[in-house]
C-alpha atoms as a PDB file:
ATOM      1  CA  MET A   1     127.953  -6.346  93.469  1.00  0.00           C
ATOM      2  CA  ASN A   2     127.566  -3.973  90.431  1.00  0.00           C
ATOM      3  CA  PRO A   3     124.034  -5.166  89.019  1.00  0.00           C
ATOM      4  CA  PHE A   4     125.373  -3.540  85.758  1.00  0.00           C
ATOM      5  CA  ALA A   5     128.947  -5.623  85.725  1.00  0.00           C
ATOM      6  CA  ASP A   6     128.148  -7.244  82.599  1.00  0.00           C
ATOM      7  CA  THR A   7     126.504  -4.755  80.099  1.00  0.00           C
ATOM      8  CA  VAL A   8     125.420  -5.981  76.512  1.00  0.00           C
ATOM      9  CA  PRO A   9     127.583  -4.338  74.154  1.00  0.00           C
ATOM     10  CA  TYR A  10     126.946  -2.877  71.396  1.00  0.00           C
ATOM     11  CA  PRO A  11     125.168  -4.575  68.607  1.00  0.00           C
ATOM     12  CA  LYS A  12     127.455  -6.093  65.734  1.00  0.00           C
ATOM     13  CA  LYS A  13     125.430  -4.246  63.181  1.00  0.00           C
ATOM     14  CA  LYS A  14     127.453  -3.733  59.769  1.00  0.00           C
ATOM     15  CA  ARG A  15     126.342   0.171  58.490  1.00  0.00           C
ATOM     16  CA  PRO A  16     128.642   0.989  56.020  1.00  0.00           C
ATOM     17  CA  LEU A  17     126.305   4.826  56.203  1.00  0.00           C
ATOM     18  CA  HIS A  18     127.939   5.428  59.106  1.00  0.00           C
ATOM     19  CA  LEU A  19     131.421   5.543  58.352  1.00  0.00           C
ATOM     20  CA  LEU A  20     131.007   7.718  55.402  1.00  0.00           C
ATOM     21  CA  LEU A  21     128.442  10.441  57.175  1.00  0.00           C
ATOM     22  CA  PRO A  22     131.471  11.486  59.258  1.00  0.00           C
ATOM     23  CA  ILE A  23     133.046  11.889  56.097  1.00  0.00           C
ATOM     24  CA  PHE A  24     130.282  13.873  54.554  1.00  0.00           C
ATOM     25  CA  TYR A  25     129.706  15.970  57.308  1.00  0.00           C
ATOM     26  CA  ALA A  26     133.279  17.384  57.495  1.00  0.00           C
ATOM     27  CA  ILE A  27     133.278  18.123  53.349  1.00  0.00           C
ATOM     28  CA  ALA A  28     129.766  19.944  54.493  1.00  0.00           C
ATOM     29  CA  ILE A  29     131.294  21.915  56.815  1.00  0.00           C
ATOM     30  CA  PHE A  30     134.238  23.058  54.721  1.00  0.00           C
ATOM     31  CA  GLY A  31     132.446  23.748  52.323  1.00  0.00           C
ATOM     32  CA  ALA A  32     130.528  26.670  54.563  1.00  0.00           C
ATOM     33  CA  SER A  33     133.836  27.515  55.767  1.00  0.00           C
ATOM     34  CA  ILE A  34     134.874  28.508  52.346  1.00  0.00           C
ATOM     35  CA  MET A  35     132.377  30.965  51.641  1.00  0.00           C
ATOM     36  CA  PRO A  36     133.751  34.006  51.862  1.00  0.00           C
ATOM     37  CA  ILE A  37     130.334  36.066  54.090  1.00  0.00           C
ATOM     38  CA  PRO A  38     130.663  39.950  53.847  1.00  0.00           C
ATOM     39  CA  VAL A  39     130.006  41.858  57.051  1.00  0.00           C
ATOM     40  CA  GLN A  40     127.381  43.783  55.945  1.00  0.00           C
ATOM     41  CA  ASN A  41     125.161  40.493  54.470  1.00  0.00           C
ATOM     42  CA  ARG A  42     124.950  38.371  57.377  1.00  0.00           C
ATOM     43  CA  GLY A  43     121.354  39.196  57.672  1.00  0.00           C
ATOM     44  CA  ILE A  44     121.406  37.156  61.082  1.00  0.00           C
ATOM     45  CA  ASP A  45     121.785  39.649  64.369  1.00  0.00           C
ATOM     46  CA  ILE A  46     121.385  37.417  67.651  1.00  0.00           C
ATOM     47  CA  PRO A  47     124.671  37.899  69.474  1.00  0.00           C
ATOM     48  CA  HIS A  48     126.925  34.755  70.096  1.00  0.00           C
ATOM     49  CA  ILE A  49     124.374  33.014  67.158  1.00  0.00           C
ATOM     50  CA  ASP A  50     128.077  31.593  65.264  1.00  0.00           C
ATOM     51  CA  LYS A  51     129.428  29.898  69.286  1.00  0.00           C
ATOM     52  CA  LEU A  52     125.717  27.707  68.776  1.00  0.00           C
ATOM     53  CA  LEU A  53     126.500  26.909  65.426  1.00  0.00           C
ATOM     54  CA  HIS A  54     130.039  25.267  65.731  1.00  0.00           C
ATOM     55  CA  PHE A  55     128.527  24.143  68.952  1.00  0.00           C
ATOM     56  CA  ILE A  56     126.325  22.621  67.531  1.00  0.00           C
ATOM     57  CA  GLY A  57     127.550  21.805  64.162  1.00  0.00           C
ATOM     58  CA  TYR A  58     131.040  20.236  65.795  1.00  0.00           C
ATOM     59  CA  GLY A  59     128.399  18.082  68.392  1.00  0.00           C
ATOM     60  CA  ILE A  60     127.415  16.316  65.488  1.00  0.00           C
ATOM     61  CA  LEU A  61     130.840  15.732  63.917  1.00  0.00           C
ATOM     62  CA  ALA A  62     131.789  13.928  66.887  1.00  0.00           C
ATOM     63  CA  VAL A  63     128.567  11.761  67.294  1.00  0.00           C
ATOM     64  CA  LEU A  64     129.101  10.916  63.305  1.00  0.00           C
ATOM     65  CA  ILE A  65     132.159   9.838  64.534  1.00  0.00           C
ATOM     66  CA  PHE A  66     132.089   8.051  67.574  1.00  0.00           C
ATOM     67  CA  ARG A  67     129.010   6.345  65.573  1.00  0.00           C
ATOM     68  CA  ALA A  68     131.869   5.322  62.970  1.00  0.00           C
ATOM     69  CA  PHE A  69     134.062   3.785  65.450  1.00  0.00           C
ATOM     70  CA  ILE A  70     131.431   2.071  67.134  1.00  0.00           C
ATOM     71  CA  GLU A  71     130.193   0.428  63.508  1.00  0.00           C
ATOM     72  CA  LEU A  72     134.080  -0.769  63.393  1.00  0.00           C
ATOM     73  CA  GLY A  73     134.315  -1.979  66.688  1.00  0.00           C
ATOM     74  CA  LEU A  74     136.224  -0.162  68.433  1.00  0.00           C
ATOM     75  CA  SER A  75     134.275   1.016  71.122  1.00  0.00           C
ATOM     76  CA  GLU A  76     133.885  -2.439  72.866  1.00  0.00           C
ATOM     77  CA  LYS A  77     136.940  -2.610  75.259  1.00  0.00           C
ATOM     78  CA  HIS A  78     137.811   0.732  75.334  1.00  0.00           C
ATOM     79  CA  LEU A  79     134.499   3.183  75.528  1.00  0.00           C
ATOM     80  CA  PHE A  80     135.693   6.631  77.153  1.00  0.00           C
ATOM     81  CA  LYS A  81     139.423   6.321  74.886  1.00  0.00           C
ATOM     82  CA  THR A  82     136.743   5.829  71.810  1.00  0.00           C
ATOM     83  CA  MET A  83     134.795   8.744  72.998  1.00  0.00           C
ATOM     84  CA  ALA A  84     138.323  10.834  73.678  1.00  0.00           C
ATOM     85  CA  ALA A  85     139.536  10.162  69.842  1.00  0.00           C
ATOM     86  CA  ALA A  86     135.743  11.299  68.944  1.00  0.00           C
ATOM     87  CA  ILE A  87     135.751  14.404  70.747  1.00  0.00           C
ATOM     88  CA  VAL A  88     139.492  14.625  69.774  1.00  0.00           C
ATOM     89  CA  LEU A  89     139.032  14.683  65.935  1.00  0.00           C
ATOM     90  CA  SER A  90     136.316  16.404  66.191  1.00  0.00           C
ATOM     91  CA  ALA A  91     138.012  19.764  67.530  1.00  0.00           C
ATOM     92  CA  LEU A  92     141.080  18.833  65.344  1.00  0.00           C
ATOM     93  CA  TYR A  93     139.196  19.654  62.523  1.00  0.00           C
ATOM     94  CA  GLY A  94     137.535  22.471  63.683  1.00  0.00           C
ATOM     95  CA  LEU A  95     140.993  24.174  65.031  1.00  0.00           C
ATOM     96  CA  SER A  96     141.780  23.458  61.112  1.00  0.00           C
ATOM     97  CA  ASP A  97     138.692  25.100  60.146  1.00  0.00           C
ATOM     98  CA  GLU A  98     139.628  28.177  62.324  1.00  0.00           C
ATOM     99  CA  ILE A  99     142.966  28.331  60.703  1.00  0.00           C
ATOM    100  CA  HIS A 100     141.375  27.904  57.441  1.00  0.00           C
ATOM    101  CA  GLN A 101     139.261  30.880  57.792  1.00  0.00           C
ATOM    102  CA  SER A 102     142.011  32.834  58.428  1.00  0.00           C
ATOM    103  CA  PHE A 103     143.032  32.540  54.913  1.00  0.00           C
ATOM    104  CA  VAL A 104     139.154  33.006  53.828  1.00  0.00           C
ATOM    105  CA  PRO A 105     138.205  36.886  52.522  1.00  0.00           C
ATOM    106  CA  HIS A 106     136.277  38.427  55.172  1.00  0.00           C
ATOM    107  CA  ARG A 107     136.880  35.720  57.760  1.00  0.00           C
ATOM    108  CA  THR A 108     138.549  35.640  60.499  1.00  0.00           C
ATOM    109  CA  ALA A 109     139.820  32.848  62.760  1.00  0.00           C
ATOM    110  CA  SER A 110     138.433  32.768  66.599  1.00  0.00           C
ATOM    111  CA  PHE A 111     139.702  30.546  69.615  1.00  0.00           C
ATOM    112  CA  ALA A 112     135.747  31.459  71.014  1.00  0.00           C
ATOM    113  CA  ASP A 113     134.740  29.344  68.210  1.00  0.00           C
ATOM    114  CA  PHE A 114     136.825  26.529  68.834  1.00  0.00           C
ATOM    115  CA  LEU A 115     135.993  26.276  72.294  1.00  0.00           C
ATOM    116  CA  ALA A 116     132.679  26.241  71.042  1.00  0.00           C
ATOM    117  CA  ASP A 117     133.352  23.475  68.994  1.00  0.00           C
ATOM    118  CA  LEU A 118     135.307  21.449  71.817  1.00  0.00           C
ATOM    119  CA  ALA A 119     132.521  22.189  73.835  1.00  0.00           C
ATOM    120  CA  GLY A 120     129.941  21.193  71.574  1.00  0.00           C
ATOM    121  CA  SER A 121     131.832  17.535  71.098  1.00  0.00           C
ATOM    122  CA  THR A 122     131.947  17.146  74.242  1.00  0.00           C
ATOM    123  CA  ALA A 123     128.703  17.658  74.963  1.00  0.00           C
ATOM    124  CA  MET A 124     126.971  15.658  72.163  1.00  0.00           C
ATOM    125  CA  VAL A 125     129.437  12.589  72.748  1.00  0.00           C
ATOM    126  CA  LEU A 126     128.364  12.433  76.427  1.00  0.00           C
ATOM    127  CA  LEU A 127     124.676  13.044  75.555  1.00  0.00           C
ATOM    128  CA  TYR A 128     125.148  10.219  72.560  1.00  0.00           C
ATOM    129  CA  GLU A 129     125.998   7.740  75.225  1.00  0.00           C
ATOM    130  CA  ILE A 130     124.525   8.502  77.580  1.00  0.00           C
ATOM    131  CA  TYR A 131     120.479   8.790  75.922  1.00  0.00           C
ATOM    132  CA  GLY A 132     121.877   6.923  72.494  1.00  0.00           C
ATOM    133  CA  GLY A 133     124.501   4.140  74.435  1.00  0.00           C
ATOM    134  CA  ALA A 134     124.498   3.573  77.613  1.00  0.00           C
ATOM    135  CA  ILE A 135     121.101   4.116  78.823  1.00  0.00           C
ATOM    136  CA  PRO A 136     119.142   1.170  75.535  1.00  0.00           C
ATOM    137  CA  ARG A 137     122.179  -0.722  76.763  1.00  0.00           C
ATOM    138  CA  LEU A 138     121.682  -1.304  80.087  1.00  0.00           C
ATOM    139  CA  TRP A 139     117.982  -1.322  79.876  1.00  0.00           C
ATOM    140  CA  PRO A 140     117.426  -5.402  80.274  1.00  0.00           C
ATOM    141  CA  GLU A 141     120.135  -5.033  83.091  1.00  0.00           C
ATOM    142  CA  ILE A 142     118.544  -2.683  85.017  1.00  0.00           C
ATOM    143  CA  ARG A 143     114.604  -3.778  84.604  1.00  0.00           C
ATOM    144  CA  ARG A 144     116.523  -7.053  85.395  1.00  0.00           C
ATOM    145  CA  TYR A 145     117.818  -5.839  88.825  1.00  0.00           C
ATOM    146  CA  TYR A 146     114.876  -4.217  89.564  1.00  0.00           C
ATOM    147  CA  HIS A 147     112.446  -7.097  88.553  1.00  0.00           C
ATOM    148  CA  GLU A 148     114.427  -9.199  91.096  1.00  0.00           C
ATOM    149  CA  LYS A 149     114.463  -6.797  93.964  1.00  0.00           C
ATOM    150  CA  SER A 150     110.598  -6.615  93.954  1.00  0.00           C
ATOM    151  CA  LYS A 151     110.375 -10.070  95.572  1.00  0.00           C
ATOM    152  CA  LYS A 152     106.962 -11.759  96.019  1.00  0.00           C
ATOM    153  CA  ILE A 153     105.051 -11.370  98.758  1.00  0.00           C
ATOM    154  CA  HIS A 154     102.567 -13.743  98.948  1.00  0.00           C
ATOM    155  CA  GLY A 155     102.531 -14.523  95.543  1.00  0.00           C
ATOM    156  CA  LEU A 156     102.398 -10.642  94.835  1.00  0.00           C
ATOM    157  CA  THR A 157     104.827  -8.015  94.054  1.00  0.00           C
ATOM    158  CA  LYS A 158     105.284  -5.169  95.912  1.00  0.00           C
ATOM    159  CA  LEU A 159     102.708  -3.022  93.288  1.00  0.00           C
ATOM    160  CA  GLU A 160     100.174  -5.411  93.645  1.00  0.00           C
ATOM    161  CA  VAL A 161      99.874  -5.489  96.948  1.00  0.00           C
ATOM    162  CA  PHE A 162      99.965  -1.724  96.554  1.00  0.00           C
ATOM    163  CA  TYR A 163      96.917  -1.845  93.876  1.00  0.00           C
ATOM    164  CA  LYS A 164      95.153  -4.323  96.194  1.00  0.00           C
ATOM    165  CA  GLN A 165      95.526  -1.992  99.299  1.00  0.00           C
ATOM    166  CA  MET A 166      94.351   0.743  97.624  1.00  0.00           C
ATOM    167  CA  ILE A 167      91.291  -0.562  95.918  1.00  0.00           C
ATOM    168  CA  SER A 168      90.099  -2.279  99.148  1.00  0.00           C
ATOM    169  CA  LYS A 169      90.333   1.476 100.656  1.00  0.00           C
ATOM    170  CA  ILE A 170      88.406   3.203  97.444  1.00  0.00           C
ATOM    171  CA  ARG A 171      85.806  -0.049  98.261  1.00  0.00           C
ATOM    172  CA  SER A 172      85.121   0.881 102.125  1.00  0.00           C
ATOM    173  CA  SER A 173      85.341   4.646 101.634  1.00  0.00           C
ATOM    174  CA  GLY A 174      82.812   3.861  99.055  1.00  0.00           C
ATOM    175  CA  ALA A 175      80.575   1.805 101.519  1.00  0.00           C
ATOM    176  CA  ASN A 176      80.408   4.608 104.457  1.00  0.00           C
ATOM    177  CA  ARG A 177      78.682   6.914 102.241  1.00  0.00           C
END
């Protein structure tokens, strides 16, 4: 029997900001990608820093898209499809950005950057769902399940019995001194 079968769905709070944030963030990404960066003025000399920035940037975009889908109520019946849609939309935006960068002076399109976009989108949506969605939604169910598992022993929970045993051992060891 699955103790978490009847999980609590996402709360029904309408937050219009969650619907607008992915749009504003996508505009910010576009604004950053239209700026030509001359090779001699890049400044930071850390290997593959651009891949890390793509990973984080498009991961954030995917989470914002996923949150917007949640606000629209799309995740209640089809959570995995909603997660996949957020990942795909973010990755497609990354692909379109890479194509766009091939036309910007001093910029190049890179398949490795697209892979970083896809990996970041996937990782961040999964982490968000695990830590920001599933655990808070399931926490009441988890607590109830484990509370039922710790049935009372002579009017005390197993933890209370353990504490009483430990206290009695400490008291008896103090009396033997």
